[in-house]
Amino acid sequence: MLDTLTIRTQRTTASRLQQLDPERLEFGKTFSDHMFVVDYRDGEWQDAQIVPYGDMPVSPANSALHYGQSIFEGMKAYKNTDGDIALFRPYDNFRRFNASAERMCMPLIPEELFMQGLSQLIRVDNAWVPDAAGSALYIRPFMFATDGFLGVRPSESYRFVIITCPVGLYYNKPLRVRFEERYVRSAEGGAGYAKNAGNYGAAMYPTKLAQQEGYNQLIWTDASEHRYVEESGTMNAIFVVDGKVVTPALSTSILDGVTRRSVLDLARDWGMPVEERKVSAVELMEALAAGKLEEAFGVGTAATIAPIAVVGYQGQDYELPTPGTNSFSTRATTALHAIRTGQAPDTHNWMVAV
């Protein structure tokens, strides 16, 4: 643990802010001027600093590259109508980051270090927080092993970094997805609930196959039977069935999504029945055939809420109802936007001012 939380700041002498086109914000391509960096050595976190965004040297024997000790988070900062900046549920991301660290045998980050480094970084780069509709500052905290050692054991040194990038909408139209009934994203008892890098690398090949077939993403199913819904691409999956909000219950193979939690809280606020349970592909297809599957959508930090328009099941495509202005997903999208931009009361205290 750092003795005193002094964060040294080295400001860039060549800001790239003038190169930013707020009308063309491609997700994850343009990064803000600075990054927060702190190293774990000799059993403690030390040398916390904010430095110009740039490349970092690593050993060719870096153990994260060889053995996969690498985790991350995704979160956002928003600018309200008064120009003030606030983070959406950062303590939830902090707790999930440490849950991932524990699963991957990595050191925990102290809350003060995480939150102060994050807040100070955003204050330094406050001009990078966009204010156009649908835009935000995407925040990527991550940690990776830094030992230069070839041997399958937990690293003894680590680096924790936060980088940020202004972003617009992740998906600009409803999704085409299909059920995945061959490949597996994660199995019970695995690391699917952690945001470790390997989960995403392993998902790329089956996702690529689906995209070659004209789908945007997959609906992952369970590893043992391929019957039950797990996640939708890199998002949690939520369905509205006969007036009820239904979503797969959390497990060791499903990520505890912050947006998922928020959407379920809104449903409960509005008096809608919420069911967190096993949801099978067969149940959903039967509900669709009976006219009871009213909505299907993915939820996550990047996209917030992404409606599903078409679902592929056992070689055939099925069209889902188009969400109207009074649909649950549309209302939830509007409500979350209003809370994040200060246009509606934050009754759950989700927003944390920077």
Protein backbone atom coordinates (compact mmCIF):
# COMPACT_ATOMS: atom_id res chain seq x y z
CA MET A 1 0.00 0.00 0.00
CA LEU A 2 1.28 3.48 -0.77
CA ASP A 3 2.39 5.31 2.37
CA THR A 4 0.96 8.61 1.16
CA LEU A 5 -1.25 8.93 -1.84
CA THR A 6 0.78 11.44 -3.78
CA ILE A 7 0.18 11.18 -7.51
CA ARG A 8 2.88 12.88 -9.54
CA THR A 9 1.58 14.48 -12.74
CA GLN A 10 3.67 14.95 -15.85
CA ARG A 11 1.60 16.86 -18.39
CA THR A 12 2.07 16.37 -22.10
CA THR A 13 3.79 19.11 -24.09
CA ALA A 14 1.92 18.13 -27.27
CA SER A 15 -1.83 17.74 -26.71
CA ARG A 16 -3.73 15.88 -29.44
CA LEU A 17 -7.07 17.40 -28.48
CA GLN A 18 -7.16 19.62 -31.59
CA GLN A 19 -7.10 16.48 -33.77
CA LEU A 20 -10.33 15.19 -32.19
CA ASP A 21 -13.45 15.30 -34.37
CA PRO A 22 -16.45 15.16 -31.98
CA GLU A 23 -18.71 14.23 -34.91
CA ARG A 24 -16.69 11.11 -35.73
CA LEU A 25 -15.84 9.30 -32.52
CA GLU A 26 -14.84 5.74 -33.42
CA PHE A 27 -14.96 3.48 -30.39
CA GLY A 28 -11.56 2.78 -28.85
CA LYS A 29 -9.38 4.45 -31.48
CA THR A 30 -8.59 7.93 -30.15
CA PHE A 31 -7.08 8.16 -26.68
CA SER A 32 -6.88 11.10 -24.31
CA ASP A 33 -3.59 12.85 -23.60
CA HIS A 34 -2.70 11.16 -20.32
CA MET A 35 -2.79 7.86 -18.44
CA PHE A 36 -2.58 6.83 -14.79
CA VAL A 37 0.15 4.29 -13.98
CA VAL A 38 1.14 2.58 -10.74
CA ASP A 39 3.40 -0.44 -10.19
CA TYR A 40 3.26 -3.32 -7.71
CA ARG A 41 6.73 -4.38 -6.52
CA ASP A 42 8.09 -5.93 -3.34
CA GLY A 43 4.58 -6.57 -2.07
CA GLU A 44 3.24 -3.01 -2.35
CA TRP A 45 1.84 -0.48 -4.81
CA GLN A 46 4.29 2.36 -5.52
CA ASP A 47 5.14 5.26 -7.84
CA ALA A 48 1.60 6.38 -8.69
CA GLN A 49 1.78 8.89 -11.53
CA ILE A 50 -0.11 10.50 -14.37
CA VAL A 51 2.01 10.63 -17.51
CA PRO A 52 1.47 11.38 -21.22
CA TYR A 53 -0.32 8.54 -23.03
CA GLY A 54 2.25 6.39 -24.79
CA ASP A 55 3.85 3.01 -25.32
CA MET A 56 5.24 0.99 -22.43
CA PRO A 57 8.31 -1.27 -22.64
CA VAL A 58 7.83 -4.91 -21.57
CA SER A 59 10.20 -7.86 -21.36
CA PRO A 60 9.93 -10.49 -24.12
CA ALA A 61 9.50 -12.92 -21.20
CA ASN A 62 6.62 -10.86 -19.75
CA SER A 63 4.48 -13.37 -17.91
CA ALA A 64 1.17 -11.72 -18.90
CA LEU A 65 2.02 -12.38 -22.56
CA HIS A 66 2.85 -16.02 -21.87
CA TYR A 67 0.40 -17.01 -19.15
CA GLY A 68 -2.49 -14.56 -19.41
CA GLN A 69 -2.46 -12.68 -16.09
CA SER A 70 -4.30 -9.67 -17.49
CA ILE A 71 -7.61 -8.13 -16.41
CA PHE A 72 -9.57 -4.98 -17.23
CA GLU A 73 -12.71 -2.95 -16.58
CA GLY A 74 -14.93 -0.77 -18.74
CA MET A 75 -16.70 2.29 -17.38
CA LYS A 76 -17.77 5.78 -18.47
CA ALA A 77 -17.73 9.42 -17.42
CA TYR A 78 -20.45 11.79 -18.57
CA LYS A 79 -20.76 15.55 -18.87
CA ASN A 80 -24.06 17.01 -17.68
CA THR A 81 -25.90 20.04 -19.03
CA ASP A 82 -23.94 22.35 -16.67
CA GLY A 83 -20.61 21.00 -17.93
CA ASP A 84 -19.91 19.04 -14.74
CA ILE A 85 -18.37 15.58 -15.07
CA ALA A 86 -19.54 12.48 -13.19
CA LEU A 87 -18.72 8.76 -13.21
CA PHE A 88 -21.43 6.11 -13.51
CA ARG A 89 -21.29 3.57 -10.64
CA PRO A 90 -17.47 3.53 -10.35
CA TYR A 91 -17.46 1.66 -7.04
CA ASP A 92 -19.23 -1.28 -8.72
CA ASN A 93 -16.47 -1.40 -11.33
CA PHE A 94 -13.83 -1.13 -8.60
CA ARG A 95 -15.29 -4.09 -6.71
CA ARG A 96 -15.60 -6.18 -9.87
CA PHE A 97 -12.00 -5.32 -10.82
CA ASN A 98 -10.79 -6.72 -7.52
CA ALA A 99 -12.98 -9.82 -7.94
CA SER A 100 -11.26 -10.38 -11.29
CA ALA A 101 -7.85 -9.78 -9.69
CA GLU A 102 -8.57 -12.35 -6.99
CA ARG A 103 -9.67 -14.96 -9.57
CA MET A 104 -6.49 -14.40 -11.62
CA CYS A 105 -4.21 -14.53 -8.55
CA MET A 106 -3.28 -10.85 -8.81
CA PRO A 107 -2.93 -8.22 -6.04
CA LEU A 108 -5.97 -6.19 -5.04
CA ILE A 109 -6.09 -2.44 -5.74
CA PRO A 110 -6.85 -0.25 -2.70
CA GLU A 111 -10.08 1.71 -3.18
CA GLU A 112 -8.39 5.06 -2.50
CA LEU A 113 -5.73 4.39 -5.12
CA PHE A 114 -8.27 3.31 -7.75
CA MET A 115 -10.68 6.19 -7.14
CA GLN A 116 -8.14 8.96 -6.64
CA GLY A 117 -6.09 7.93 -9.66
CA LEU A 118 -9.26 7.76 -11.75
CA SER A 119 -10.64 11.12 -10.57
CA GLN A 120 -7.32 12.94 -10.94
CA LEU A 121 -6.78 11.55 -14.44
CA ILE A 122 -10.21 12.71 -15.60
CA ARG A 123 -9.68 16.15 -14.10
CA VAL A 124 -6.40 16.46 -16.03
CA ASP A 125 -8.11 15.36 -19.27
CA ASN A 126 -11.52 16.97 -18.58
CA ALA A 127 -11.55 18.65 -22.02
CA TRP A 128 -11.66 15.18 -23.60
CA VAL A 129 -15.08 14.38 -22.10
CA PRO A 130 -17.55 14.85 -24.99
CA ASP A 131 -21.03 16.28 -24.50
CA ALA A 132 -22.81 15.34 -27.73
CA ALA A 133 -25.90 13.11 -27.44
CA GLY A 134 -24.93 9.47 -27.02
CA SER A 135 -21.27 10.26 -26.30
CA ALA A 136 -19.15 9.73 -23.19
CA LEU A 137 -15.58 9.27 -22.02
CA TYR A 138 -14.88 5.55 -22.01
CA ILE A 139 -12.52 4.52 -19.20
CA ARG A 140 -10.34 1.41 -19.34
CA PRO A 141 -8.59 0.43 -16.10
CA PHE A 142 -6.39 -2.65 -16.56
CA MET A 143 -3.70 -4.64 -14.80
CA PHE A 144 -1.12 -7.04 -16.15
CA ALA A 145 1.76 -9.11 -14.82
CA THR A 146 5.22 -7.60 -15.40
CA ASP A 147 7.67 -10.33 -14.33
CA GLY A 148 10.18 -11.23 -17.03
CA PHE A 149 10.12 -14.92 -16.16
CA LEU A 150 9.14 -18.10 -17.97
CA GLY A 151 7.47 -20.27 -15.39
CA VAL A 152 3.84 -21.04 -14.68
CA ARG A 153 3.32 -19.22 -11.40
CA PRO A 154 1.71 -15.92 -10.39
CA SER A 155 3.87 -12.93 -11.22
CA GLU A 156 5.48 -11.06 -8.33
CA SER A 157 5.17 -7.65 -10.04
CA TYR A 158 2.26 -5.93 -11.82
CA ARG A 159 1.31 -2.68 -13.49
CA PHE A 160 -2.09 -1.01 -13.08
CA VAL A 161 -3.02 1.54 -15.76
CA ILE A 162 -6.05 3.67 -16.60
CA ILE A 163 -6.49 5.03 -20.12
CA THR A 164 -9.51 6.90 -21.50
CA CYS A 165 -11.03 7.63 -24.89
CA PRO A 166 -14.00 9.75 -26.05
CA VAL A 167 -16.65 7.58 -27.70
CA GLY A 168 -19.98 7.83 -29.48
CA LEU A 169 -22.59 5.12 -30.03
CA TYR A 170 -21.21 1.56 -30.12
CA TYR A 171 -23.98 0.10 -32.30
CA ASN A 172 -26.00 2.35 -34.58
CA LYS A 173 -28.69 -0.17 -35.50
CA PRO A 174 -30.44 -3.19 -33.93
CA LEU A 175 -28.42 -6.40 -33.83
CA ARG A 176 -28.56 -9.66 -35.73
CA VAL A 177 -27.46 -12.49 -33.43
CA ARG A 178 -27.59 -16.27 -33.36
CA PHE A 179 -27.46 -18.91 -30.67
CA GLU A 180 -24.03 -20.55 -30.39
CA GLU A 181 -24.45 -24.26 -29.90
CA ARG A 182 -20.94 -25.55 -30.53
CA TYR A 183 -18.33 -23.24 -29.04
CA VAL A 184 -18.17 -22.13 -25.40
CA ARG A 185 -17.38 -18.72 -23.93
CA SER A 186 -17.02 -20.00 -20.39
CA ALA A 187 -17.85 -23.01 -18.24
CA GLU A 188 -19.12 -23.23 -14.66
CA GLY A 189 -16.15 -23.05 -12.32
CA GLY A 190 -14.09 -21.18 -14.92
CA ALA A 191 -13.23 -17.48 -15.09
CA GLY A 192 -16.24 -16.27 -17.10
CA TYR A 193 -17.37 -13.95 -14.31
CA ALA A 194 -13.97 -12.19 -14.34
CA LYS A 195 -12.97 -9.62 -16.94
CA ASN A 196 -9.74 -11.36 -17.84
CA ALA A 197 -8.26 -10.93 -21.30
CA GLY A 198 -8.34 -14.62 -22.20
CA ASN A 199 -12.16 -14.75 -22.08
CA TYR A 200 -12.30 -12.30 -24.96
CA GLY A 201 -9.51 -13.83 -27.02
CA ALA A 202 -11.16 -17.25 -26.92
CA ALA A 203 -14.50 -15.78 -28.05
CA MET A 204 -13.11 -14.17 -31.21
CA TYR A 205 -13.05 -17.23 -33.49
CA PRO A 206 -16.71 -18.33 -33.02
CA THR A 207 -17.75 -14.66 -33.23
CA LYS A 208 -15.84 -14.29 -36.50
CA LEU A 209 -17.64 -17.34 -37.92
CA ALA A 210 -21.00 -15.80 -36.99
CA GLN A 211 -20.05 -12.47 -38.55
CA GLN A 212 -19.13 -14.25 -41.77
CA GLU A 213 -22.72 -15.54 -41.75
CA GLY A 214 -24.10 -12.01 -41.44
CA TYR A 215 -24.62 -11.78 -37.68
CA ASN A 216 -23.23 -9.05 -35.43
CA GLN A 217 -22.79 -11.23 -32.37
CA LEU A 218 -23.61 -14.53 -30.69
CA ILE A 219 -25.90 -15.55 -27.89
CA TRP A 220 -23.64 -17.82 -25.88
CA THR A 221 -25.19 -20.92 -24.33
CA ASP A 222 -24.07 -23.07 -21.38
CA ALA A 223 -21.05 -25.31 -21.77
CA SER A 224 -22.63 -28.62 -20.75
CA GLU A 225 -25.91 -28.73 -22.69
CA HIS A 226 -25.94 -25.66 -24.99
CA ARG A 227 -29.53 -25.11 -23.89
CA TYR A 228 -29.42 -22.12 -21.59
CA VAL A 229 -28.58 -18.52 -22.46
CA GLU A 230 -25.40 -17.14 -20.91
CA GLU A 231 -24.47 -13.79 -22.50
CA SER A 232 -25.02 -11.89 -25.75
CA GLY A 233 -21.63 -11.30 -27.34
CA THR A 234 -19.70 -9.20 -24.83
CA MET A 235 -22.91 -8.10 -23.10
CA ASN A 236 -25.45 -9.50 -20.66
CA ALA A 237 -28.73 -10.63 -22.25
CA ILE A 238 -32.15 -9.45 -21.11
CA PHE A 239 -35.59 -10.43 -22.44
CA VAL A 240 -39.10 -9.13 -21.89
CA VAL A 241 -41.44 -12.14 -21.92
CA ASP A 242 -45.16 -11.63 -21.37
CA GLY A 243 -44.60 -8.43 -19.39
CA LYS A 244 -41.77 -9.87 -17.25
CA VAL A 245 -38.10 -8.86 -17.41
CA VAL A 246 -36.18 -12.13 -17.64
CA THR A 247 -32.38 -12.57 -17.56
CA PRO A 248 -29.97 -15.43 -16.87
CA ALA A 249 -29.05 -15.69 -13.19
CA LEU A 250 -25.44 -14.81 -12.37
CA SER A 251 -22.97 -17.67 -12.04
CA THR A 252 -19.23 -18.30 -12.32
CA SER A 253 -19.65 -18.25 -16.12
CA ILE A 254 -21.62 -14.98 -16.41
CA LEU A 255 -20.27 -11.48 -15.85
CA ASP A 256 -21.99 -9.40 -13.16
CA GLY A 257 -22.71 -6.48 -15.47
CA VAL A 258 -23.08 -2.99 -13.99
CA THR A 259 -25.49 -1.97 -16.76
CA ARG A 260 -27.41 -5.23 -16.19
CA ARG A 261 -27.82 -4.34 -12.52
CA SER A 262 -28.96 -0.83 -13.38
CA VAL A 263 -31.56 -1.97 -15.91
CA LEU A 264 -32.98 -4.52 -13.46
CA ASP A 265 -33.15 -1.81 -10.77
CA LEU A 266 -35.13 0.41 -13.15
CA ALA A 267 -37.54 -2.45 -13.92
CA ARG A 268 -38.16 -2.95 -10.20
CA ASP A 269 -38.58 0.82 -9.72
CA TRP A 270 -41.30 0.72 -12.35
CA GLY A 271 -43.09 -2.23 -10.76
CA MET A 272 -42.20 -4.77 -13.45
CA PRO A 273 -41.69 -8.40 -12.42
CA VAL A 274 -37.98 -9.35 -12.67
CA GLU A 275 -36.85 -12.97 -12.98
CA GLU A 276 -33.16 -13.90 -12.68
CA ARG A 277 -33.11 -17.58 -13.59
CA LYS A 278 -32.11 -20.10 -16.21
CA VAL A 279 -33.51 -19.13 -19.62
CA SER A 280 -33.41 -21.72 -22.40
CA ALA A 281 -33.27 -21.11 -26.13
CA VAL A 282 -36.32 -23.37 -26.52
CA GLU A 283 -38.33 -21.28 -24.03
CA LEU A 284 -37.46 -18.08 -25.90
CA MET A 285 -38.31 -19.50 -29.32
CA GLU A 286 -41.63 -20.84 -28.03
CA ALA A 287 -42.39 -17.43 -26.48
CA LEU A 288 -41.58 -15.77 -29.81
CA ALA A 289 -43.88 -18.17 -31.68
CA ALA A 290 -46.66 -17.46 -29.17
CA GLY A 291 -46.21 -13.69 -29.51
CA LYS A 292 -45.00 -13.38 -25.90
CA LEU A 293 -41.34 -12.48 -26.53
CA GLU A 294 -41.76 -8.73 -26.58
CA GLU A 295 -38.11 -7.62 -26.51
CA ALA A 296 -34.57 -8.97 -26.50
CA PHE A 297 -31.49 -6.83 -25.99
CA GLY A 298 -27.89 -6.85 -24.83
CA VAL A 299 -26.69 -4.57 -22.03
CA GLY A 300 -23.15 -3.44 -21.32
CA THR A 301 -20.97 -0.41 -20.69
CA ALA A 302 -19.92 0.06 -24.31
CA ALA A 303 -23.35 -0.17 -25.94
CA THR A 304 -25.54 0.52 -22.85
CA ILE A 305 -28.64 -1.12 -24.40
CA ALA A 306 -28.50 -2.80 -27.81
CA PRO A 307 -31.84 -4.10 -29.14
CA ILE A 308 -31.84 -7.44 -30.98
CA ALA A 309 -33.79 -7.43 -34.26
CA VAL A 310 -33.03 -10.91 -35.62
CA VAL A 311 -32.09 -14.14 -33.88
CA GLY A 312 -30.73 -17.21 -35.65
CA TYR A 313 -31.68 -20.58 -34.19
CA GLN A 314 -30.71 -23.96 -35.65
CA GLY A 315 -30.13 -22.62 -39.14
CA GLN A 316 -33.15 -20.33 -39.41
CA ASP A 317 -33.54 -16.61 -38.76
CA TYR A 318 -36.44 -15.19 -36.77
CA GLU A 319 -37.44 -11.53 -36.63
CA LEU A 320 -38.18 -10.02 -33.25
CA PRO A 321 -40.69 -7.24 -32.60
CA THR A 322 -39.37 -3.71 -33.14
CA PRO A 323 -39.26 -1.87 -29.78
CA GLY A 324 -41.64 1.09 -29.74
CA THR A 325 -41.27 4.38 -27.90
CA ASN A 326 -42.98 2.86 -24.85
CA SER A 327 -41.02 -0.39 -24.85
CA PHE A 328 -39.03 -1.26 -21.75
CA SER A 329 -35.62 -1.08 -23.48
CA THR A 330 -36.41 2.34 -24.97
CA ARG A 331 -37.62 3.71 -21.64
CA ALA A 332 -34.59 2.27 -19.83
CA THR A 333 -32.21 3.81 -22.38
CA THR A 334 -33.89 7.20 -21.95
CA ALA A 335 -33.90 6.94 -18.15
CA LEU A 336 -30.23 5.99 -17.92
CA HIS A 337 -29.24 8.84 -20.24
CA ALA A 338 -31.25 11.33 -18.19
CA ILE A 339 -29.66 10.18 -14.92
CA ARG A 340 -26.14 10.25 -16.37
CA THR A 341 -26.51 13.74 -17.79
CA GLY A 342 -28.20 15.24 -14.73
CA GLN A 343 -31.61 15.65 -16.39
CA ALA A 344 -33.36 13.29 -13.94
CA PRO A 345 -33.00 12.65 -10.19
CA ASP A 346 -30.27 10.13 -9.29
CA THR A 347 -32.37 8.28 -6.71
CA HIS A 348 -29.94 5.33 -6.49
CA ASN A 349 -26.85 7.56 -6.07
CA TRP A 350 -25.21 6.00 -9.12
CA MET A 351 -23.34 9.13 -10.20
CA VAL A 352 -20.07 10.17 -8.54
CA ALA A 353 -18.83 13.69 -9.27
CA VAL A 354 -15.24 14.04 -10.42
